[in-house]
Amino acid sequence: MGLMQPLYGTALNHRYRGSPKGLFNVYTNIDIGTRYLKQKLRKYKTKERAISAYNHGTPWYDKKGRFKNGNYVSNVMKKYKLYEIDFKIYYAVRNMKKSIYVKR
């Protein structure tokens, strides 16, 4: 439901006590979704396996050892890498601005 599409059952497992409709609240949705992703990252150790599990419940492999939901995983990883670069640039610029205003 909503931005990160957590299921109601998943939300309940992550201390959510509201109604299913409440999952459409952006802040609640992101909070539940990031808690769930964090849980998957701790359990499965790699981003790709965690993303596959986020989408399917557990990493989902075919007989050749590839992710069955590989398109989903690769799309998320492309976006992750894109935003990772944006955040690095943002923080580099922000830190440069801070250092300009530091009194010496």
PDB file of N, CA and C in Angstrom:
ATOM      1  N   MET A   1       0.830  -1.177   0.000  1.00  0.00           N
ATOM      2  CA  MET A   1       0.000   0.000   0.000  1.00  0.00           C
ATOM      3  C   MET A   1       0.875   1.241   0.000  1.00  0.00           C
ATOM      4  N   GLY A   2       0.697   2.099  -0.938  1.00  0.00           N
ATOM      5  CA  GLY A   2       1.410   3.368  -0.940  1.00  0.00           C
ATOM      6  C   GLY A   2       2.817   3.279  -1.510  1.00  0.00           C
ATOM      7  N   LEU A   3       3.654   4.208  -1.119  1.00  0.00           N
ATOM      8  CA  LEU A   3       4.983   4.415  -1.686  1.00  0.00           C
ATOM      9  C   LEU A   3       5.869   3.168  -1.642  1.00  0.00           C
ATOM     10  N   MET A   4       6.100   2.609  -0.481  1.00  0.00           N
ATOM     11  CA  MET A   4       6.968   1.434  -0.352  1.00  0.00           C
ATOM     12  C   MET A   4       6.179   0.129  -0.332  1.00  0.00           C
ATOM     13  N   GLN A   5       4.890   0.225  -0.379  1.00  0.00           N
ATOM     14  CA  GLN A   5       3.950  -0.883  -0.486  1.00  0.00           C
ATOM     15  C   GLN A   5       4.108  -1.983   0.567  1.00  0.00           C
ATOM     16  N   PRO A   6       4.246  -1.600   1.850  1.00  0.00           N
ATOM     17  CA  PRO A   6       4.288  -2.660   2.864  1.00  0.00           C
ATOM     18  C   PRO A   6       2.900  -3.284   3.019  1.00  0.00           C
ATOM     19  N   LEU A   7       2.873  -4.578   3.205  1.00  0.00           N
ATOM     20  CA  LEU A   7       1.610  -5.263   3.464  1.00  0.00           C
ATOM     21  C   LEU A   7       1.173  -4.972   4.898  1.00  0.00           C
ATOM     22  N   TYR A   8      -0.106  -5.055   5.140  1.00  0.00           N
ATOM     23  CA  TYR A   8      -0.639  -4.762   6.475  1.00  0.00           C
ATOM     24  C   TYR A   8      -0.045  -5.711   7.513  1.00  0.00           C
ATOM     25  N   GLY A   9       0.075  -6.995   7.168  1.00  0.00           N
ATOM     26  CA  GLY A   9       0.669  -7.973   8.089  1.00  0.00           C
ATOM     27  C   GLY A   9       2.110  -7.638   8.424  1.00  0.00           C
ATOM     28  N   THR A  10       2.852  -7.188   7.429  1.00  0.00           N
ATOM     29  CA  THR A  10       4.241  -6.769   7.643  1.00  0.00           C
ATOM     30  C   THR A  10       4.281  -5.562   8.573  1.00  0.00           C
ATOM     31  N   ALA A  11       3.381  -4.621   8.341  1.00  0.00           N
ATOM     32  CA  ALA A  11       3.320  -3.421   9.185  1.00  0.00           C
ATOM     33  C   ALA A  11       3.037  -3.796  10.639  1.00  0.00           C
ATOM     34  N   LEU A  12       2.123  -4.728  10.851  1.00  0.00           N
ATOM     35  CA  LEU A  12       1.810  -5.168  12.220  1.00  0.00           C
ATOM     36  C   LEU A  12       3.029  -5.804  12.883  1.00  0.00           C
ATOM     37  N   ASN A  13       3.836  -6.514  12.104  1.00  0.00           N
ATOM     38  CA  ASN A  13       5.062  -7.118  12.646  1.00  0.00           C
ATOM     39  C   ASN A  13       6.116  -6.081  13.006  1.00  0.00           C
ATOM     40  N   HIS A  14       5.950  -4.864  12.502  1.00  0.00           N
ATOM     41  CA  HIS A  14       6.898  -3.789  12.783  1.00  0.00           C
ATOM     42  C   HIS A  14       6.264  -2.702  13.652  1.00  0.00           C
ATOM     43  N   ARG A  15       5.463  -3.140  14.587  1.00  0.00           N
ATOM     44  CA  ARG A  15       4.858  -2.299  15.640  1.00  0.00           C
ATOM     45  C   ARG A  15       3.841  -1.278  15.152  1.00  0.00           C
ATOM     46  N   TYR A  16       3.310  -1.463  13.968  1.00  0.00           N
ATOM     47  CA  TYR A  16       2.248  -0.577  13.494  1.00  0.00           C
ATOM     48  C   TYR A  16       0.940  -1.035  14.117  1.00  0.00           C
ATOM     49  N   ARG A  17       0.143  -0.095  14.638  1.00  0.00           N
ATOM     50  CA  ARG A  17      -1.116  -0.458  15.300  1.00  0.00           C
ATOM     51  C   ARG A  17      -2.324   0.257  14.700  1.00  0.00           C
ATOM     52  N   GLY A  18      -2.143   0.859  13.539  1.00  0.00           N
ATOM     53  CA  GLY A  18      -3.238   1.582  12.901  1.00  0.00           C
ATOM     54  C   GLY A  18      -4.039   0.696  11.962  1.00  0.00           C
ATOM     55  N   SER A  19      -4.900   1.325  11.208  1.00  0.00           N
ATOM     56  CA  SER A  19      -5.730   0.617  10.236  1.00  0.00           C
ATOM     57  C   SER A  19      -4.951   0.457   8.927  1.00  0.00           C
ATOM     58  N   PRO A  20      -5.395  -0.442   8.047  1.00  0.00           N
ATOM     59  CA  PRO A  20      -4.732  -0.568   6.746  1.00  0.00           C
ATOM     60  C   PRO A  20      -4.693   0.763   5.981  1.00  0.00           C
ATOM     61  N   LYS A  21      -5.738   1.562   6.115  1.00  0.00           N
ATOM     62  CA  LYS A  21      -5.795   2.851   5.432  1.00  0.00           C
ATOM     63  C   LYS A  21      -4.663   3.776   5.889  1.00  0.00           C
ATOM     64  N   GLY A  22      -4.240   3.642   7.127  1.00  0.00           N
ATOM     65  CA  GLY A  22      -3.165   4.472   7.674  1.00  0.00           C
ATOM     66  C   GLY A  22      -1.829   4.261   6.985  1.00  0.00           C
ATOM     67  N   LEU A  23      -1.671   3.133   6.277  1.00  0.00           N
ATOM     68  CA  LEU A  23      -0.421   2.867   5.577  1.00  0.00           C
ATOM     69  C   LEU A  23      -0.224   3.783   4.368  1.00  0.00           C
ATOM     70  N   PHE A  24      -1.270   4.500   3.984  1.00  0.00           N
ATOM     71  CA  PHE A  24      -1.134   5.456   2.888  1.00  0.00           C
ATOM     72  C   PHE A  24      -0.510   6.771   3.346  1.00  0.00           C
ATOM     73  N   ASN A  25      -0.363   6.971   4.653  1.00  0.00           N
ATOM     74  CA  ASN A  25       0.346   8.139   5.163  1.00  0.00           C
ATOM     75  C   ASN A  25       1.817   7.989   4.767  1.00  0.00           C
ATOM     76  N   VAL A  26       2.373   8.983   4.098  1.00  0.00           N
ATOM     77  CA  VAL A  26       3.727   8.895   3.551  1.00  0.00           C
ATOM     78  C   VAL A  26       4.757   8.576   4.632  1.00  0.00           C
ATOM     79  N   TYR A  27       4.685   9.266   5.763  1.00  0.00           N
ATOM     80  CA  TYR A  27       5.676   9.067   6.824  1.00  0.00           C
ATOM     81  C   TYR A  27       5.572   7.669   7.419  1.00  0.00           C
ATOM     82  N   THR A  28       4.359   7.216   7.656  1.00  0.00           N
ATOM     83  CA  THR A  28       4.147   5.873   8.185  1.00  0.00           C
ATOM     84  C   THR A  28       4.642   4.837   7.187  1.00  0.00           C
ATOM     85  N   ASN A  29       4.308   5.032   5.929  1.00  0.00           N
ATOM     86  CA  ASN A  29       4.674   4.105   4.867  1.00  0.00           C
ATOM     87  C   ASN A  29       6.194   3.968   4.758  1.00  0.00           C
ATOM     88  N   ILE A  30       6.893   5.079   4.746  1.00  0.00           N
ATOM     89  CA  ILE A  30       8.355   5.047   4.641  1.00  0.00           C
ATOM     90  C   ILE A  30       8.965   4.445   5.901  1.00  0.00           C
ATOM     91  N   ASP A  31       8.424   4.771   7.064  1.00  0.00           N
ATOM     92  CA  ASP A  31       8.926   4.214   8.317  1.00  0.00           C
ATOM     93  C   ASP A  31       8.820   2.689   8.314  1.00  0.00           C
ATOM     94  N   ILE A  32       7.657   2.164   7.989  1.00  0.00           N
ATOM     95  CA  ILE A  32       7.450   0.708   7.969  1.00  0.00           C
ATOM     96  C   ILE A  32       8.329   0.077   6.888  1.00  0.00           C
ATOM     97  N   GLY A  33       8.345   0.667   5.687  1.00  0.00           N
ATOM     98  CA  GLY A  33       9.133   0.117   4.583  1.00  0.00           C
ATOM     99  C   GLY A  33      10.619   0.070   4.886  1.00  0.00           C
ATOM    100  N   THR A  34      11.163   1.120   5.492  1.00  0.00           N
ATOM    101  CA  THR A  34      12.594   1.129   5.793  1.00  0.00           C
ATOM    102  C   THR A  34      12.933   0.178   6.938  1.00  0.00           C
ATOM    103  N   ARG A  35      12.032   0.040   7.905  1.00  0.00           N
ATOM    104  CA  ARG A  35      12.259  -0.956   8.972  1.00  0.00           C
ATOM    105  C   ARG A  35      12.321  -2.368   8.381  1.00  0.00           C
ATOM    106  N   TYR A  36      11.401  -2.646   7.467  1.00  0.00           N
ATOM    107  CA  TYR A  36      11.342  -3.964   6.840  1.00  0.00           C
ATOM    108  C   TYR A  36      12.587  -4.211   5.982  1.00  0.00           C
ATOM    109  N   LEU A  37      13.006  -3.215   5.222  1.00  0.00           N
ATOM    110  CA  LEU A  37      14.206  -3.357   4.407  1.00  0.00           C
ATOM    111  C   LEU A  37      15.444  -3.545   5.288  1.00  0.00           C
ATOM    112  N   LYS A  38      15.522  -2.808   6.376  1.00  0.00           N
ATOM    113  CA  LYS A  38      16.645  -2.954   7.311  1.00  0.00           C
ATOM    114  C   LYS A  38      16.699  -4.382   7.857  1.00  0.00           C
ATOM    115  N   GLN A  39      15.542  -4.927   8.196  1.00  0.00           N
ATOM    116  CA  GLN A  39      15.467  -6.306   8.678  1.00  0.00           C
ATOM    117  C   GLN A  39      16.001  -7.277   7.609  1.00  0.00           C
ATOM    118  N   LYS A  40      15.602  -7.063   6.371  1.00  0.00           N
ATOM    119  CA  LYS A  40      16.043  -7.937   5.270  1.00  0.00           C
ATOM    120  C   LYS A  40      17.547  -7.783   5.027  1.00  0.00           C
ATOM    121  N   LEU A  41      18.083  -6.567   5.117  1.00  0.00           N
ATOM    122  CA  LEU A  41      19.516  -6.354   4.940  1.00  0.00           C
ATOM    123  C   LEU A  41      20.320  -7.069   6.016  1.00  0.00           C
ATOM    124  N   ARG A  42      19.850  -7.013   7.251  1.00  0.00           N
ATOM    125  CA  ARG A  42      20.548  -7.717   8.335  1.00  0.00           C
ATOM    126  C   ARG A  42      20.526  -9.230   8.126  1.00  0.00           C
ATOM    127  N   LYS A  43      19.417  -9.733   7.665  1.00  0.00           N
ATOM    128  CA  LYS A  43      19.261 -11.182   7.501  1.00  0.00           C
ATOM    129  C   LYS A  43      20.020 -11.716   6.290  1.00  0.00           C
ATOM    130  N   TYR A  44      19.934 -11.026   5.148  1.00  0.00           N
ATOM    131  CA  TYR A  44      20.466 -11.574   3.900  1.00  0.00           C
ATOM    132  C   TYR A  44      21.809 -10.986   3.469  1.00  0.00           C
ATOM    133  N   LYS A  45      22.312  -9.986   4.183  1.00  0.00           N
ATOM    134  CA  LYS A  45      23.664  -9.429   4.058  1.00  0.00           C
ATOM    135  C   LYS A  45      23.970  -8.627   2.792  1.00  0.00           C
ATOM    136  N   THR A  46      23.419  -8.966   1.638  1.00  0.00           N
ATOM    137  CA  THR A  46      23.707  -8.186   0.426  1.00  0.00           C
ATOM    138  C   THR A  46      22.472  -7.388   0.024  1.00  0.00           C
ATOM    139  N   LYS A  47      22.704  -6.272  -0.634  1.00  0.00           N
ATOM    140  CA  LYS A  47      21.585  -5.426  -1.065  1.00  0.00           C
ATOM    141  C   LYS A  47      20.675  -6.171  -2.028  1.00  0.00           C
ATOM    142  N   GLU A  48      21.271  -6.897  -2.975  1.00  0.00           N
ATOM    143  CA  GLU A  48      20.476  -7.588  -3.989  1.00  0.00           C
ATOM    144  C   GLU A  48      19.570  -8.651  -3.365  1.00  0.00           C
ATOM    145  N   ARG A  49      20.106  -9.448  -2.462  1.00  0.00           N
ATOM    146  CA  ARG A  49      19.298 -10.482  -1.808  1.00  0.00           C
ATOM    147  C   ARG A  49      18.219  -9.861  -0.929  1.00  0.00           C
ATOM    148  N   ALA A  50      18.579  -8.772  -0.243  1.00  0.00           N
ATOM    149  CA  ALA A  50      17.607  -8.092   0.615  1.00  0.00           C
ATOM    150  C   ALA A  50      16.468  -7.495  -0.213  1.00  0.00           C
ATOM    151  N   ILE A  51      16.803  -6.924  -1.366  1.00  0.00           N
ATOM    152  CA  ILE A  51      15.778  -6.331  -2.234  1.00  0.00           C
ATOM    153  C   ILE A  51      14.864  -7.414  -2.798  1.00  0.00           C
ATOM    154  N   SER A  52      15.452  -8.536  -3.202  1.00  0.00           N
ATOM    155  CA  SER A  52      14.644  -9.656  -3.687  1.00  0.00           C
ATOM    156  C   SER A  52      13.697 -10.135  -2.588  1.00  0.00           C
ATOM    157  N   ALA A  53      14.220 -10.226  -1.369  1.00  0.00           N
ATOM    158  CA  ALA A  53      13.397 -10.662  -0.236  1.00  0.00           C
ATOM    159  C   ALA A  53      12.328  -9.632   0.104  1.00  0.00           C
ATOM    160  N   TYR A  54      12.658  -8.355   0.001  1.00  0.00           N
ATOM    161  CA  TYR A  54      11.679  -7.293   0.258  1.00  0.00           C
ATOM    162  C   TYR A  54      10.490  -7.449  -0.677  1.00  0.00           C
ATOM    163  N   ASN A  55      10.776  -7.810  -1.909  1.00  0.00           N
ATOM    164  CA  ASN A  55       9.744  -7.955  -2.924  1.00  0.00           C
ATOM    165  C   ASN A  55       8.971  -9.274  -2.807  1.00  0.00           C
ATOM    166  N   HIS A  56       9.645 -10.317  -2.343  1.00  0.00           N
ATOM    167  CA  HIS A  56       9.039 -11.651  -2.373  1.00  0.00           C
ATOM    168  C   HIS A  56       8.899 -12.310  -1.006  1.00  0.00           C
ATOM    169  N   GLY A  57       9.534 -11.798   0.026  1.00  0.00           N
ATOM    170  CA  GLY A  57       9.499 -12.413   1.352  1.00  0.00           C
ATOM    171  C   GLY A  57      10.816 -13.091   1.685  1.00  0.00           C
ATOM    172  N   THR A  58      11.362 -13.835   0.731  1.00  0.00           N
ATOM    173  CA  THR A  58      12.704 -14.434   0.824  1.00  0.00           C
ATOM    174  C   THR A  58      13.357 -14.238  -0.544  1.00  0.00           C
ATOM    175  N   PRO A  59      14.714 -14.306  -0.623  1.00  0.00           N
ATOM    176  CA  PRO A  59      15.307 -14.215  -1.958  1.00  0.00           C
ATOM    177  C   PRO A  59      14.733 -15.327  -2.837  1.00  0.00           C
ATOM    178  N   TRP A  60      14.418 -15.007  -4.043  1.00  0.00           N
ATOM    179  CA  TRP A  60      13.653 -15.892  -4.915  1.00  0.00           C
ATOM    180  C   TRP A  60      14.511 -16.272  -6.116  1.00  0.00           C
ATOM    181  N   TYR A  61      15.014 -17.511  -6.133  1.00  0.00           N
ATOM    182  CA  TYR A  61      15.940 -17.956  -7.170  1.00  0.00           C
ATOM    183  C   TYR A  61      15.282 -18.934  -8.140  1.00  0.00           C
ATOM    184  N   ASP A  62      15.794 -18.947  -9.388  1.00  0.00           N
ATOM    185  CA  ASP A  62      15.378 -19.983 -10.333  1.00  0.00           C
ATOM    186  C   ASP A  62      16.382 -21.139 -10.253  1.00  0.00           C
ATOM    187  N   LYS A  63      16.241 -22.129 -11.100  1.00  0.00           N
ATOM    188  CA  LYS A  63      17.109 -23.316 -11.057  1.00  0.00           C
ATOM    189  C   LYS A  63      18.561 -22.996 -11.397  1.00  0.00           C
ATOM    190  N   LYS A  64      18.797 -21.889 -12.090  1.00  0.00           N
ATOM    191  CA  LYS A  64      20.162 -21.495 -12.462  1.00  0.00           C
ATOM    192  C   LYS A  64      20.799 -20.567 -11.425  1.00  0.00           C
ATOM    193  N   GLY A  65      20.105 -20.321 -10.335  1.00  0.00           N
ATOM    194  CA  GLY A  65      20.647 -19.478  -9.279  1.00  0.00           C
ATOM    195  C   GLY A  65      20.463 -17.993  -9.489  1.00  0.00           C
ATOM    196  N   ARG A  66      19.648 -17.613 -10.477  1.00  0.00           N
ATOM    197  CA  ARG A  66      19.362 -16.191 -10.711  1.00  0.00           C
ATOM    198  C   ARG A  66      18.081 -15.821  -9.968  1.00  0.00           C
ATOM    199  N   PHE A  67      17.960 -14.538  -9.671  1.00  0.00           N
ATOM    200  CA  PHE A  67      16.727 -14.072  -9.027  1.00  0.00           C
ATOM    201  C   PHE A  67      15.564 -14.206 -10.006  1.00  0.00           C
ATOM    202  N   LYS A  68      14.477 -14.813  -9.562  1.00  0.00           N
ATOM    203  CA  LYS A  68      13.275 -14.879 -10.407  1.00  0.00           C
ATOM    204  C   LYS A  68      12.678 -13.490 -10.588  1.00  0.00           C
ATOM    205  N   ASN A  69      12.851 -12.640  -9.588  1.00  0.00           N
ATOM    206  CA  ASN A  69      12.376 -11.259  -9.686  1.00  0.00           C
ATOM    207  C   ASN A  69      13.552 -10.331 -10.019  1.00  0.00           C
ATOM    208  N   GLY A  70      14.424 -10.810 -10.905  1.00  0.00           N
ATOM    209  CA  GLY A  70      15.649 -10.097 -11.269  1.00  0.00           C
ATOM    210  C   GLY A  70      15.415  -8.731 -11.879  1.00  0.00           C
ATOM    211  N   ASN A  71      14.337  -8.571 -12.655  1.00  0.00           N
ATOM    212  CA  ASN A  71      14.044  -7.245 -13.225  1.00  0.00           C
ATOM    213  C   ASN A  71      13.766  -6.243 -12.119  1.00  0.00           C
ATOM    214  N   TYR A  72      13.003  -6.670 -11.126  1.00  0.00           N
ATOM    215  CA  TYR A  72      12.709  -5.803  -9.981  1.00  0.00           C
ATOM    216  C   TYR A  72      14.006  -5.430  -9.267  1.00  0.00           C
ATOM    217  N   VAL A  73      14.831  -6.438  -8.976  1.00  0.00           N
ATOM    218  CA  VAL A  73      16.089  -6.208  -8.262  1.00  0.00           C
ATOM    219  C   VAL A  73      16.989  -5.261  -9.053  1.00  0.00           C
ATOM    220  N   SER A  74      17.140  -5.498 -10.360  1.00  0.00           N
ATOM    221  CA  SER A  74      18.034  -4.636 -11.149  1.00  0.00           C
ATOM    222  C   SER A  74      17.486  -3.214 -11.265  1.00  0.00           C
ATOM    223  N   ASN A  75      16.174  -3.050 -11.373  1.00  0.00           N
ATOM    224  CA  ASN A  75      15.589  -1.701 -11.421  1.00  0.00           C
ATOM    225  C   ASN A  75      15.838  -0.943 -10.124  1.00  0.00           C
ATOM    226  N   VAL A  76      15.655  -1.615  -8.994  1.00  0.00           N
ATOM    227  CA  VAL A  76      15.889  -0.962  -7.700  1.00  0.00           C
ATOM    228  C   VAL A  76      17.368  -0.625  -7.541  1.00  0.00           C
ATOM    229  N   MET A  77      18.255  -1.532  -7.935  1.00  0.00           N
ATOM    230  CA  MET A  77      19.693  -1.277  -7.806  1.00  0.00           C
ATOM    231  C   MET A  77      20.139  -0.112  -8.699  1.00  0.00           C
ATOM    232  N   LYS A  78      19.573   0.017  -9.889  1.00  0.00           N
ATOM    233  CA  LYS A  78      19.899   1.153 -10.758  1.00  0.00           C
ATOM    234  C   LYS A  78      19.524   2.459 -10.081  1.00  0.00           C
ATOM    235  N   LYS A  79      18.337   2.489  -9.504  1.00  0.00           N
ATOM    236  CA  LYS A  79      17.879   3.706  -8.813  1.00  0.00           C
ATOM    237  C   LYS A  79      18.731   3.974  -7.573  1.00  0.00           C
ATOM    238  N   TYR A  80      19.081   2.911  -6.858  1.00  0.00           N
ATOM    239  CA  TYR A  80      19.924   3.054  -5.674  1.00  0.00           C
ATOM    240  C   TYR A  80      21.248   3.708  -6.049  1.00  0.00           C
ATOM    241  N   LYS A  81      21.884   3.205  -7.104  1.00  0.00           N
ATOM    242  CA  LYS A  81      23.180   3.745  -7.521  1.00  0.00           C
ATOM    243  C   LYS A  81      23.059   5.198  -7.976  1.00  0.00           C
ATOM    244  N   LEU A  82      21.991   5.515  -8.649  1.00  0.00           N
ATOM    245  CA  LEU A  82      21.748   6.883  -9.086  1.00  0.00           C
ATOM    246  C   LEU A  82      21.603   7.816  -7.884  1.00  0.00           C
ATOM    247  N   TYR A  83      20.778   7.426  -6.916  1.00  0.00           N
ATOM    248  CA  TYR A  83      20.574   8.262  -5.730  1.00  0.00           C
ATOM    249  C   TYR A  83      21.794   8.292  -4.838  1.00  0.00           C
ATOM    250  N   GLU A  84      22.555   7.209  -4.815  1.00  0.00           N
ATOM    251  CA  GLU A  84      23.777   7.175  -4.009  1.00  0.00           C
ATOM    252  C   GLU A  84      24.737   8.265  -4.490  1.00  0.00           C
ATOM    253  N   ILE A  85      24.869   8.420  -5.793  1.00  0.00           N
ATOM    254  CA  ILE A  85      25.720   9.467  -6.366  1.00  0.00           C
ATOM    255  C   ILE A  85      25.165  10.847  -6.007  1.00  0.00           C
ATOM    256  N   ASP A  86      23.847  11.019  -6.126  1.00  0.00           N
ATOM    257  CA  ASP A  86      23.225  12.301  -5.772  1.00  0.00           C
ATOM    258  C   ASP A  86      23.503  12.673  -4.318  1.00  0.00           C
ATOM    259  N   PHE A  87      23.385  11.701  -3.411  1.00  0.00           N
ATOM    260  CA  PHE A  87      23.612  11.984  -1.993  1.00  0.00           C
ATOM    261  C   PHE A  87      25.076  12.317  -1.727  1.00  0.00           C
ATOM    262  N   LYS A  88      25.991  11.633  -2.396  1.00  0.00           N
ATOM    263  CA  LYS A  88      27.413  11.941  -2.208  1.00  0.00           C
ATOM    264  C   LYS A  88      27.717  13.360  -2.662  1.00  0.00           C
ATOM    265  N   ILE A  89      27.160  13.756  -3.781  1.00  0.00           N
ATOM    266  CA  ILE A  89      27.360  15.122  -4.278  1.00  0.00           C
ATOM    267  C   ILE A  89      26.738  16.125  -3.311  1.00  0.00           C
ATOM    268  N   TYR A  90      25.509  15.842  -2.865  1.00  0.00           N
ATOM    269  CA  TYR A  90      24.809  16.735  -1.939  1.00  0.00           C
ATOM    270  C   TYR A  90      25.631  16.951  -0.669  1.00  0.00           C
ATOM    271  N   TYR A  91      26.105  15.853  -0.061  1.00  0.00           N
ATOM    272  CA  TYR A  91      26.856  15.989   1.187  1.00  0.00           C
ATOM    273  C   TYR A  91      28.213  16.640   0.973  1.00  0.00           C
ATOM    274  N   ALA A  92      28.841  16.392  -0.173  1.00  0.00           N
ATOM    275  CA  ALA A  92      30.120  17.047  -0.463  1.00  0.00           C
ATOM    276  C   ALA A  92      29.925  18.554  -0.576  1.00  0.00           C
ATOM    277  N   VAL A  93      28.896  18.980  -1.292  1.00  0.00           N
ATOM    278  CA  VAL A  93      28.616  20.410  -1.441  1.00  0.00           C
ATOM    279  C   VAL A  93      28.233  21.013  -0.098  1.00  0.00           C
ATOM    280  N   ARG A  94      27.403  20.324   0.644  1.00  0.00           N
ATOM    281  CA  ARG A  94      26.974  20.823   1.957  1.00  0.00           C
ATOM    282  C   ARG A  94      28.168  21.007   2.885  1.00  0.00           C
ATOM    283  N   ASN A  95      29.079  20.041   2.893  1.00  0.00           N
ATOM    284  CA  ASN A  95      30.263  20.152   3.748  1.00  0.00           C
ATOM    285  C   ASN A  95      31.190  21.262   3.282  1.00  0.00           C
ATOM    286  N   MET A  96      31.272  21.492   1.977  1.00  0.00           N
ATOM    287  CA  MET A  96      32.074  22.592   1.459  1.00  0.00           C
ATOM    288  C   MET A  96      31.504  23.921   1.942  1.00  0.00           C
ATOM    289  N   LYS A  97      30.173  24.068   1.885  1.00  0.00           N
ATOM    290  CA  LYS A  97      29.533  25.307   2.331  1.00  0.00           C
ATOM    291  C   LYS A  97      29.792  25.535   3.809  1.00  0.00           C
ATOM    292  N   LYS A  98      29.724  24.469   4.615  1.00  0.00           N
ATOM    293  CA  LYS A  98      29.974  24.613   6.046  1.00  0.00           C
ATOM    294  C   LYS A  98      31.402  25.077   6.298  1.00  0.00           C
ATOM    295  N   SER A  99      32.363  24.500   5.568  1.00  0.00           N
ATOM    296  CA  SER A  99      33.760  24.860   5.803  1.00  0.00           C
ATOM    297  C   SER A  99      34.051  26.308   5.388  1.00  0.00           C
ATOM    298  N   ILE A 100      33.296  26.857   4.455  1.00  0.00           N
ATOM    299  CA  ILE A 100      33.478  28.254   4.035  1.00  0.00           C
ATOM    300  C   ILE A 100      33.133  29.203   5.174  1.00  0.00           C
ATOM    301  N   TYR A 101      32.119  28.856   5.960  1.00  0.00           N
ATOM    302  CA  TYR A 101      31.638  29.733   7.011  1.00  0.00           C
ATOM    303  C   TYR A 101      32.303  29.508   8.368  1.00  0.00           C
ATOM    304  N   VAL A 102      33.223  28.576   8.441  1.00  0.00           N
ATOM    305  CA  VAL A 102      33.906  28.316   9.708  1.00  0.00           C
ATOM    306  C   VAL A 102      34.893  29.455   9.954  1.00  0.00           C
ATOM    307  N   LYS A 103      34.827  30.040  11.173  1.00  0.00           N
ATOM    308  CA  LYS A 103      35.754  31.110  11.540  1.00  0.00           C
ATOM    309  C   LYS A 103      37.115  30.504  11.842  1.00  0.00           C
ATOM    310  N   ARG A 104      38.137  31.167  11.384  1.00  0.00           N
ATOM    311  CA  ARG A 104      39.501  30.651  11.603  1.00  0.00           C
ATOM    312  C   ARG A 104      40.268  31.548  12.520  1.00  0.00           C
TER     313      ARG A 104
END
